[in-house]
Amino acid sequence: MVKLRLQRTGSKNDPHYRIVAADSRSPRDGRFIDLIGHYHPTLGGSHQSTIDENKAKDWLKKGAQPTETVKFILKSQGILGNLAG
């Protein structure tokens, strides 16, 4: 099963995350299939996350399951709500 999840990067006490499509059996920071975007929780406002909307919608249509955190990020960007159309 393919999941949309966060892959931690950055340094200690300064986390940055990649939003990736990865096989659910692979390790959190291991192999991934596709890079969808970035998430920086320490930044504020609109600079907090950058997501390739087309890639995200494509993976969701293919049946990829987002984790709870990625689901929240996609909803805040307005991507998950626009998927029905």
PDB file of N, CA and C in Angstrom:
ATOM      1  N   MET A   1       0.841  -1.177   0.000  1.00  0.00           N
ATOM      2  CA  MET A   1       0.000   0.000   0.000  1.00  0.00           C
ATOM      3  C   MET A   1       0.887   1.242   0.000  1.00  0.00           C
ATOM      4  N   VAL A   2       0.538   2.201  -0.805  1.00  0.00           N
ATOM      5  CA  VAL A   2       1.285   3.458  -0.870  1.00  0.00           C
ATOM      6  C   VAL A   2       0.668   4.445   0.109  1.00  0.00           C
ATOM      7  N   LYS A   3       1.527   5.116   0.869  1.00  0.00           N
ATOM      8  CA  LYS A   3       1.083   6.124   1.821  1.00  0.00           C
ATOM      9  C   LYS A   3       1.750   7.448   1.512  1.00  0.00           C
ATOM     10  N   LEU A   4       1.018   8.521   1.737  1.00  0.00           N
ATOM     11  CA  LEU A   4       1.591   9.859   1.693  1.00  0.00           C
ATOM     12  C   LEU A   4       1.972  10.185   3.123  1.00  0.00           C
ATOM     13  N   ARG A   5       3.268  10.386   3.368  1.00  0.00           N
ATOM     14  CA  ARG A   5       3.710  10.602   4.739  1.00  0.00           C
ATOM     15  C   ARG A   5       4.888  11.558   4.792  1.00  0.00           C
ATOM     16  N   LEU A   6       5.264  11.909   6.023  1.00  0.00           N
ATOM     17  CA  LEU A   6       6.370  12.829   6.244  1.00  0.00           C
ATOM     18  C   LEU A   6       7.667  12.058   6.410  1.00  0.00           C
ATOM     19  N   GLN A   7       8.722  12.584   5.821  1.00  0.00           N
ATOM     20  CA  GLN A   7      10.061  12.015   5.962  1.00  0.00           C
ATOM     21  C   GLN A   7      10.917  13.102   6.602  1.00  0.00           C
ATOM     22  N   ARG A   8      11.439  12.824   7.794  1.00  0.00           N
ATOM     23  CA  ARG A   8      12.153  13.858   8.537  1.00  0.00           C
ATOM     24  C   ARG A   8      13.529  14.141   7.946  1.00  0.00           C
ATOM     25  N   THR A   9      13.815  15.433   7.814  1.00  0.00           N
ATOM     26  CA  THR A   9      15.144  15.912   7.447  1.00  0.00           C
ATOM     27  C   THR A   9      15.457  17.051   8.403  1.00  0.00           C
ATOM     28  N   GLY A  10      16.521  17.775   8.174  1.00  0.00           N
ATOM     29  CA  GLY A  10      16.860  18.876   9.060  1.00  0.00           C
ATOM     30  C   GLY A  10      17.745  18.400  10.192  1.00  0.00           C
ATOM     31  N   SER A  11      18.020  19.289  11.111  1.00  0.00           N
ATOM     32  CA  SER A  11      18.922  18.966  12.204  1.00  0.00           C
ATOM     33  C   SER A  11      18.159  18.841  13.516  1.00  0.00           C
ATOM     34  N   LYS A  12      18.894  18.488  14.543  1.00  0.00           N
ATOM     35  CA  LYS A  12      18.315  18.347  15.874  1.00  0.00           C
ATOM     36  C   LYS A  12      17.706  19.685  16.305  1.00  0.00           C
ATOM     37  N   ASN A  13      16.522  19.655  16.846  1.00  0.00           N
ATOM     38  CA  ASN A  13      15.771  20.829  17.297  1.00  0.00           C
ATOM     39  C   ASN A  13      15.365  21.783  16.171  1.00  0.00           C
ATOM     40  N   ASP A  14      15.551  21.393  14.926  1.00  0.00           N
ATOM     41  CA  ASP A  14      15.121  22.213  13.784  1.00  0.00           C
ATOM     42  C   ASP A  14      14.595  21.282  12.691  1.00  0.00           C
ATOM     43  N   PRO A  15      13.424  20.695  12.906  1.00  0.00           N
ATOM     44  CA  PRO A  15      12.939  19.695  11.952  1.00  0.00           C
ATOM     45  C   PRO A  15      12.416  20.310  10.658  1.00  0.00           C
ATOM     46  N   HIS A  16      12.676  19.618   9.580  1.00  0.00           N
ATOM     47  CA  HIS A  16      12.085  19.890   8.276  1.00  0.00           C
ATOM     48  C   HIS A  16      11.602  18.542   7.778  1.00  0.00           C
ATOM     49  N   TYR A  17      10.543  18.539   7.014  1.00  0.00           N
ATOM     50  CA  TYR A  17       9.992  17.281   6.525  1.00  0.00           C
ATOM     51  C   TYR A  17       9.777  17.352   5.023  1.00  0.00           C
ATOM     52  N   ARG A  18       9.956  16.216   4.374  1.00  0.00           N
ATOM     53  CA  ARG A  18       9.546  16.050   2.985  1.00  0.00           C
ATOM     54  C   ARG A  18       8.208  15.328   3.016  1.00  0.00           C
ATOM     55  N   ILE A  19       7.308  15.716   2.155  1.00  0.00           N
ATOM     56  CA  ILE A  19       6.060  14.979   1.994  1.00  0.00           C
ATOM     57  C   ILE A  19       6.282  14.052   0.816  1.00  0.00           C
ATOM     58  N   VAL A  20       6.222  12.738   1.075  1.00  0.00           N
ATOM     59  CA  VAL A  20       6.574  11.759   0.059  1.00  0.00           C
ATOM     60  C   VAL A  20       5.483  10.712  -0.096  1.00  0.00           C
ATOM     61  N   ALA A  21       5.471  10.079  -1.255  1.00  0.00           N
ATOM     62  CA  ALA A  21       4.672   8.878  -1.479  1.00  0.00           C
ATOM     63  C   ALA A  21       5.634   7.714  -1.300  1.00  0.00           C
ATOM     64  N   ALA A  22       5.327   6.825  -0.359  1.00  0.00           N
ATOM     65  CA  ALA A  22       6.235   5.724  -0.049  1.00  0.00           C
ATOM     66  C   ALA A  22       5.436   4.462   0.228  1.00  0.00           C
ATOM     67  N   ASP A  23       6.077   3.330   0.016  1.00  0.00           N
ATOM     68  CA  ASP A  23       5.479   2.045   0.364  1.00  0.00           C
ATOM     69  C   ASP A  23       5.343   1.993   1.884  1.00  0.00           C
ATOM     70  N   SER A  24       4.231   1.512   2.379  1.00  0.00           N
ATOM     71  CA  SER A  24       3.989   1.504   3.819  1.00  0.00           C
ATOM     72  C   SER A  24       4.958   0.603   4.570  1.00  0.00           C
ATOM     73  N   ARG A  25       5.602  -0.330   3.872  1.00  0.00           N
ATOM     74  CA  ARG A  25       6.538  -1.245   4.531  1.00  0.00           C
ATOM     75  C   ARG A  25       7.946  -0.677   4.637  1.00  0.00           C
ATOM     76  N   SER A  26       8.242   0.401   3.936  1.00  0.00           N
ATOM     77  CA  SER A  26       9.584   0.974   3.988  1.00  0.00           C
ATOM     78  C   SER A  26       9.730   1.849   5.237  1.00  0.00           C
ATOM     79  N   PRO A  27      10.970   2.024   5.726  1.00  0.00           N
ATOM     80  CA  PRO A  27      11.187   2.834   6.929  1.00  0.00           C
ATOM     81  C   PRO A  27      10.790   4.291   6.719  1.00  0.00           C
ATOM     82  N   ARG A  28      10.543   4.984   7.818  1.00  0.00           N
ATOM     83  CA  ARG A  28      10.089   6.378   7.748  1.00  0.00           C
ATOM     84  C   ARG A  28      11.029   7.249   6.920  1.00  0.00           C
ATOM     85  N   ASP A  29      12.318   7.126   7.149  1.00  0.00           N
ATOM     86  CA  ASP A  29      13.289   7.952   6.436  1.00  0.00           C
ATOM     87  C   ASP A  29      13.977   7.183   5.314  1.00  0.00           C
ATOM     88  N   GLY A  30      13.388   6.082   4.887  1.00  0.00           N
ATOM     89  CA  GLY A  30      13.990   5.240   3.865  1.00  0.00           C
ATOM     90  C   GLY A  30      13.543   5.599   2.464  1.00  0.00           C
ATOM     91  N   ARG A  31      13.458   4.563   1.643  1.00  0.00           N
ATOM     92  CA  ARG A  31      13.111   4.742   0.237  1.00  0.00           C
ATOM     93  C   ARG A  31      11.727   5.340   0.057  1.00  0.00           C
ATOM     94  N   PHE A  32      11.593   6.154  -0.970  1.00  0.00           N
ATOM     95  CA  PHE A  32      10.276   6.684  -1.307  1.00  0.00           C
ATOM     96  C   PHE A  32      10.103   6.649  -2.812  1.00  0.00           C
ATOM     97  N   ILE A  33       8.859   6.711  -3.243  1.00  0.00           N
ATOM     98  CA  ILE A  33       8.530   6.613  -4.659  1.00  0.00           C
ATOM     99  C   ILE A  33       8.573   7.982  -5.326  1.00  0.00           C
ATOM    100  N   ASP A  34       7.993   8.984  -4.675  1.00  0.00           N
ATOM    101  CA  ASP A  34       7.870  10.301  -5.292  1.00  0.00           C
ATOM    102  C   ASP A  34       7.895  11.386  -4.220  1.00  0.00           C
ATOM    103  N   LEU A  35       8.573  12.481  -4.503  1.00  0.00           N
ATOM    104  CA  LEU A  35       8.607  13.638  -3.619  1.00  0.00           C
ATOM    105  C   LEU A  35       7.460  14.568  -4.008  1.00  0.00           C
ATOM    106  N   ILE A  36       6.601  14.866  -3.043  1.00  0.00           N
ATOM    107  CA  ILE A  36       5.410  15.673  -3.311  1.00  0.00           C
ATOM    108  C   ILE A  36       5.577  17.117  -2.840  1.00  0.00           C
ATOM    109  N   GLY A  37       6.287  17.319  -1.746  1.00  0.00           N
ATOM    110  CA  GLY A  37       6.470  18.676  -1.247  1.00  0.00           C
ATOM    111  C   GLY A  37       7.320  18.709   0.004  1.00  0.00           C
ATOM    112  N   HIS A  38       7.313  19.870   0.669  1.00  0.00           N
ATOM    113  CA  HIS A  38       8.087  20.089   1.885  1.00  0.00           C
ATOM    114  C   HIS A  38       7.187  20.696   2.948  1.00  0.00           C
ATOM    115  N   TYR A  39       7.534  20.428   4.226  1.00  0.00           N
ATOM    116  CA  TYR A  39       6.795  20.980   5.358  1.00  0.00           C
ATOM    117  C   TYR A  39       7.803  21.443   6.398  1.00  0.00           C
ATOM    118  N   HIS A  40       7.727  22.726   6.772  1.00  0.00           N
ATOM    119  CA  HIS A  40       8.621  23.316   7.761  1.00  0.00           C
ATOM    120  C   HIS A  40       7.770  23.821   8.923  1.00  0.00           C
ATOM    121  N   PRO A  41       7.616  23.038   9.992  1.00  0.00           N
ATOM    122  CA  PRO A  41       6.714  23.426  11.078  1.00  0.00           C
ATOM    123  C   PRO A  41       7.179  24.648  11.862  1.00  0.00           C
ATOM    124  N   THR A  42       8.469  24.983  11.821  1.00  0.00           N
ATOM    125  CA  THR A  42       8.957  26.123  12.591  1.00  0.00           C
ATOM    126  C   THR A  42       8.694  27.456  11.900  1.00  0.00           C
ATOM    127  N   LEU A  43       8.448  27.441  10.604  1.00  0.00           N
ATOM    128  CA  LEU A  43       8.115  28.671   9.883  1.00  0.00           C
ATOM    129  C   LEU A  43       6.634  28.967  10.050  1.00  0.00           C
ATOM    130  N   GLY A  44       6.281  30.204   9.905  1.00  0.00           N
ATOM    131  CA  GLY A  44       4.881  30.570  10.048  1.00  0.00           C
ATOM    132  C   GLY A  44       4.259  30.962   8.723  1.00  0.00           C
ATOM    133  N   GLY A  45       2.956  31.011   8.711  1.00  0.00           N
ATOM    134  CA  GLY A  45       2.226  31.509   7.551  1.00  0.00           C
ATOM    135  C   GLY A  45       2.298  30.620   6.327  1.00  0.00           C
ATOM    136  N   SER A  46       2.329  31.267   5.169  1.00  0.00           N
ATOM    137  CA  SER A  46       2.252  30.530   3.907  1.00  0.00           C
ATOM    138  C   SER A  46       3.561  29.838   3.545  1.00  0.00           C
ATOM    139  N   HIS A  47       4.654  30.162   4.231  1.00  0.00           N
ATOM    140  CA  HIS A  47       5.948  29.542   3.936  1.00  0.00           C
ATOM    141  C   HIS A  47       6.114  28.198   4.640  1.00  0.00           C
ATOM    142  N   GLN A  48       5.122  27.789   5.400  1.00  0.00           N
ATOM    143  CA  GLN A  48       5.227  26.571   6.197  1.00  0.00           C
ATOM    144  C   GLN A  48       5.250  25.312   5.338  1.00  0.00           C
ATOM    145  N   SER A  49       4.526  25.288   4.245  1.00  0.00           N
ATOM    146  CA  SER A  49       4.519  24.092   3.405  1.00  0.00           C
ATOM    147  C   SER A  49       4.430  24.469   1.929  1.00  0.00           C
ATOM    148  N   THR A  50       5.116  23.671   1.113  1.00  0.00           N
ATOM    149  CA  THR A  50       5.027  23.805  -0.337  1.00  0.00           C
ATOM    150  C   THR A  50       4.709  22.429  -0.889  1.00  0.00           C
ATOM    151  N   ILE A  51       3.638  22.332  -1.648  1.00  0.00           N
ATOM    152  CA  ILE A  51       3.169  21.044  -2.150  1.00  0.00           C
ATOM    153  C   ILE A  51       2.892  21.165  -3.645  1.00  0.00           C
ATOM    154  N   ASP A  52       3.321  20.152  -4.399  1.00  0.00           N
ATOM    155  CA  ASP A  52       2.975  20.056  -5.815  1.00  0.00           C
ATOM    156  C   ASP A  52       1.553  19.494  -5.879  1.00  0.00           C
ATOM    157  N   GLU A  53       0.606  20.375  -6.131  1.00  0.00           N
ATOM    158  CA  GLU A  53      -0.813  20.008  -6.081  1.00  0.00           C
ATOM    159  C   GLU A  53      -1.162  18.899  -7.071  1.00  0.00           C
ATOM    160  N   ASN A  54      -0.595  18.944  -8.267  1.00  0.00           N
ATOM    161  CA  ASN A  54      -0.895  17.923  -9.276  1.00  0.00           C
ATOM    162  C   ASN A  54      -0.412  16.544  -8.845  1.00  0.00           C
ATOM    163  N   LYS A  55       0.794  16.474  -8.282  1.00  0.00           N
ATOM    164  CA  LYS A  55       1.317  15.187  -7.811  1.00  0.00           C
ATOM    165  C   LYS A  55       0.474  14.641  -6.666  1.00  0.00           C
ATOM    166  N   ALA A  56       0.102  15.516  -5.729  1.00  0.00           N
ATOM    167  CA  ALA A  56      -0.690  15.081  -4.583  1.00  0.00           C
ATOM    168  C   ALA A  56      -2.043  14.530  -5.039  1.00  0.00           C
ATOM    169  N   LYS A  57      -2.719  15.255  -5.920  1.00  0.00           N
ATOM    170  CA  LYS A  57      -4.017  14.792  -6.420  1.00  0.00           C
ATOM    171  C   LYS A  57      -3.879  13.492  -7.196  1.00  0.00           C
ATOM    172  N   ASP A  58      -2.814  13.376  -7.980  1.00  0.00           N
ATOM    173  CA  ASP A  58      -2.577  12.164  -8.762  1.00  0.00           C
ATOM    174  C   ASP A  58      -2.414  10.955  -7.845  1.00  0.00           C
ATOM    175  N   TRP A  59      -1.613  11.091  -6.795  1.00  0.00           N
ATOM    176  CA  TRP A  59      -1.412   9.961  -5.877  1.00  0.00           C
ATOM    177  C   TRP A  59      -2.686   9.625  -5.100  1.00  0.00           C
ATOM    178  N   LEU A  60      -3.452  10.641  -4.724  1.00  0.00           N
ATOM    179  CA  LEU A  60      -4.704  10.375  -4.012  1.00  0.00           C
ATOM    180  C   LEU A  60      -5.703   9.659  -4.916  1.00  0.00           C
ATOM    181  N   LYS A  61      -5.742  10.026  -6.194  1.00  0.00           N
ATOM    182  CA  LYS A  61      -6.634   9.347  -7.139  1.00  0.00           C
ATOM    183  C   LYS A  61      -6.207   7.910  -7.379  1.00  0.00           C
ATOM    184  N   LYS A  62      -4.901   7.652  -7.280  1.00  0.00           N
ATOM    185  CA  LYS A  62      -4.393   6.290  -7.447  1.00  0.00           C
ATOM    186  C   LYS A  62      -4.641   5.424  -6.212  1.00  0.00           C
ATOM    187  N   GLY A  63      -5.109   6.027  -5.125  1.00  0.00           N
ATOM    188  CA  GLY A  63      -5.448   5.257  -3.935  1.00  0.00           C
ATOM    189  C   GLY A  63      -4.459   5.353  -2.798  1.00  0.00           C
ATOM    190  N   ALA A  64      -3.513   6.270  -2.873  1.00  0.00           N
ATOM    191  CA  ALA A  64      -2.555   6.440  -1.779  1.00  0.00           C
ATOM    192  C   ALA A  64      -3.279   6.973  -0.547  1.00  0.00           C
ATOM    193  N   GLN A  65      -2.920   6.453   0.619  1.00  0.00           N
ATOM    194  CA  GLN A  65      -3.555   6.840   1.870  1.00  0.00           C
ATOM    195  C   GLN A  65      -2.678   7.846   2.608  1.00  0.00           C
ATOM    196  N   PRO A  66      -3.154   9.064   2.862  1.00  0.00           N
ATOM    197  CA  PRO A  66      -2.347  10.021   3.620  1.00  0.00           C
ATOM    198  C   PRO A  66      -2.396   9.718   5.116  1.00  0.00           C
ATOM    199  N   THR A  67      -1.288   9.999   5.812  1.00  0.00           N
ATOM    200  CA  THR A  67      -1.293   9.881   7.264  1.00  0.00           C
ATOM    201  C   THR A  67      -2.108  11.041   7.827  1.00  0.00           C
ATOM    202  N   GLU A  68      -2.388  11.011   9.123  1.00  0.00           N
ATOM    203  CA  GLU A  68      -3.210  12.058   9.734  1.00  0.00           C
ATOM    204  C   GLU A  68      -2.577  13.438   9.570  1.00  0.00           C
ATOM    205  N   THR A  69      -1.268  13.530   9.773  1.00  0.00           N
ATOM    206  CA  THR A  69      -0.592  14.820   9.653  1.00  0.00           C
ATOM    207  C   THR A  69      -0.610  15.329   8.220  1.00  0.00           C
ATOM    208  N   VAL A  70      -0.342  14.459   7.269  1.00  0.00           N
ATOM    209  CA  VAL A  70      -0.357  14.867   5.861  1.00  0.00           C
ATOM    210  C   VAL A  70      -1.777  15.240   5.447  1.00  0.00           C
ATOM    211  N   LYS A  71      -2.760  14.531   5.960  1.00  0.00           N
ATOM    212  CA  LYS A  71      -4.157  14.864   5.663  1.00  0.00           C
ATOM    213  C   LYS A  71      -4.482  16.283   6.146  1.00  0.00           C
ATOM    214  N   PHE A  72      -4.004  16.629   7.344  1.00  0.00           N
ATOM    215  CA  PHE A  72      -4.216  17.971   7.885  1.00  0.00           C
ATOM    216  C   PHE A  72      -3.536  19.027   7.012  1.00  0.00           C
ATOM    217  N   ILE A  73      -2.309  18.749   6.561  1.00  0.00           N
ATOM    218  CA  ILE A  73      -1.572  19.688   5.709  1.00  0.00           C
ATOM    219  C   ILE A  73      -2.290  19.867   4.372  1.00  0.00           C
ATOM    220  N   LEU A  74      -2.750  18.764   3.784  1.00  0.00           N
ATOM    221  CA  LEU A  74      -3.454  18.845   2.499  1.00  0.00           C
ATOM    222  C   LEU A  74      -4.764  19.616   2.632  1.00  0.00           C
ATOM    223  N   LYS A  75      -5.471  19.434   3.750  1.00  0.00           N
ATOM    224  CA  LYS A  75      -6.711  20.187   3.972  1.00  0.00           C
ATOM    225  C   LYS A  75      -6.422  21.670   4.135  1.00  0.00           C
ATOM    226  N   SER A  76      -5.352  22.005   4.855  1.00  0.00           N
ATOM    227  CA  SER A  76      -5.030  23.418   5.071  1.00  0.00           C
ATOM    228  C   SER A  76      -4.605  24.105   3.771  1.00  0.00           C
ATOM    229  N   GLN A  77      -4.050  23.354   2.825  1.00  0.00           N
ATOM    230  CA  GLN A  77      -3.678  23.898   1.516  1.00  0.00           C
ATOM    231  C   GLN A  77      -4.855  23.896   0.543  1.00  0.00           C
ATOM    232  N   GLY A  78      -5.964  23.259   0.920  1.00  0.00           N
ATOM    233  CA  GLY A  78      -7.139  23.213   0.065  1.00  0.00           C
ATOM    234  C   GLY A  78      -7.071  22.139  -1.006  1.00  0.00           C
ATOM    235  N   ILE A  79      -6.143  21.207  -0.889  1.00  0.00           N
ATOM    236  CA  ILE A  79      -5.975  20.166  -1.902  1.00  0.00           C
ATOM    237  C   ILE A  79      -6.944  19.020  -1.676  1.00  0.00           C
ATOM    238  N   LEU A  80      -7.128  18.617  -0.447  1.00  0.00           N
ATOM    239  CA  LEU A  80      -7.982  17.468  -0.152  1.00  0.00           C
ATOM    240  C   LEU A  80      -9.447  17.778  -0.424  1.00  0.00           C
ATOM    241  N   GLY A  81      -9.874  18.994  -0.185  1.00  0.00           N
ATOM    242  CA  GLY A  81     -11.254  19.379  -0.445  1.00  0.00           C
ATOM    243  C   GLY A  81     -11.582  19.474  -1.925  1.00  0.00           C
ATOM    244  N   ASN A  82     -10.591  19.808  -2.754  1.00  0.00           N
ATOM    245  CA  ASN A  82     -10.803  19.968  -4.195  1.00  0.00           C
ATOM    246  C   ASN A  82     -10.729  18.657  -4.954  1.00  0.00           C
ATOM    247  N   LEU A  83     -10.442  17.571  -4.277  1.00  0.00           N
ATOM    248  CA  LEU A  83     -10.229  16.296  -4.950  1.00  0.00           C
ATOM    249  C   LEU A  83     -11.509  15.737  -5.558  1.00  0.00           C
ATOM    250  N   ALA A  84     -12.668  16.026  -4.965  1.00  0.00           N
ATOM    251  CA  ALA A  84     -13.930  15.451  -5.433  1.00  0.00           C
ATOM    252  C   ALA A  84     -14.245  15.855  -6.872  1.00  0.00           C
ATOM    253  N   GLY A  85     -13.789  17.016  -7.304  1.00  0.00           N
ATOM    254  CA  GLY A  85     -14.112  17.528  -8.627  1.00  0.00           C
ATOM    255  C   GLY A  85     -13.309  17.008  -9.752  1.00  0.00           C
TER     256      GLY A  85
END
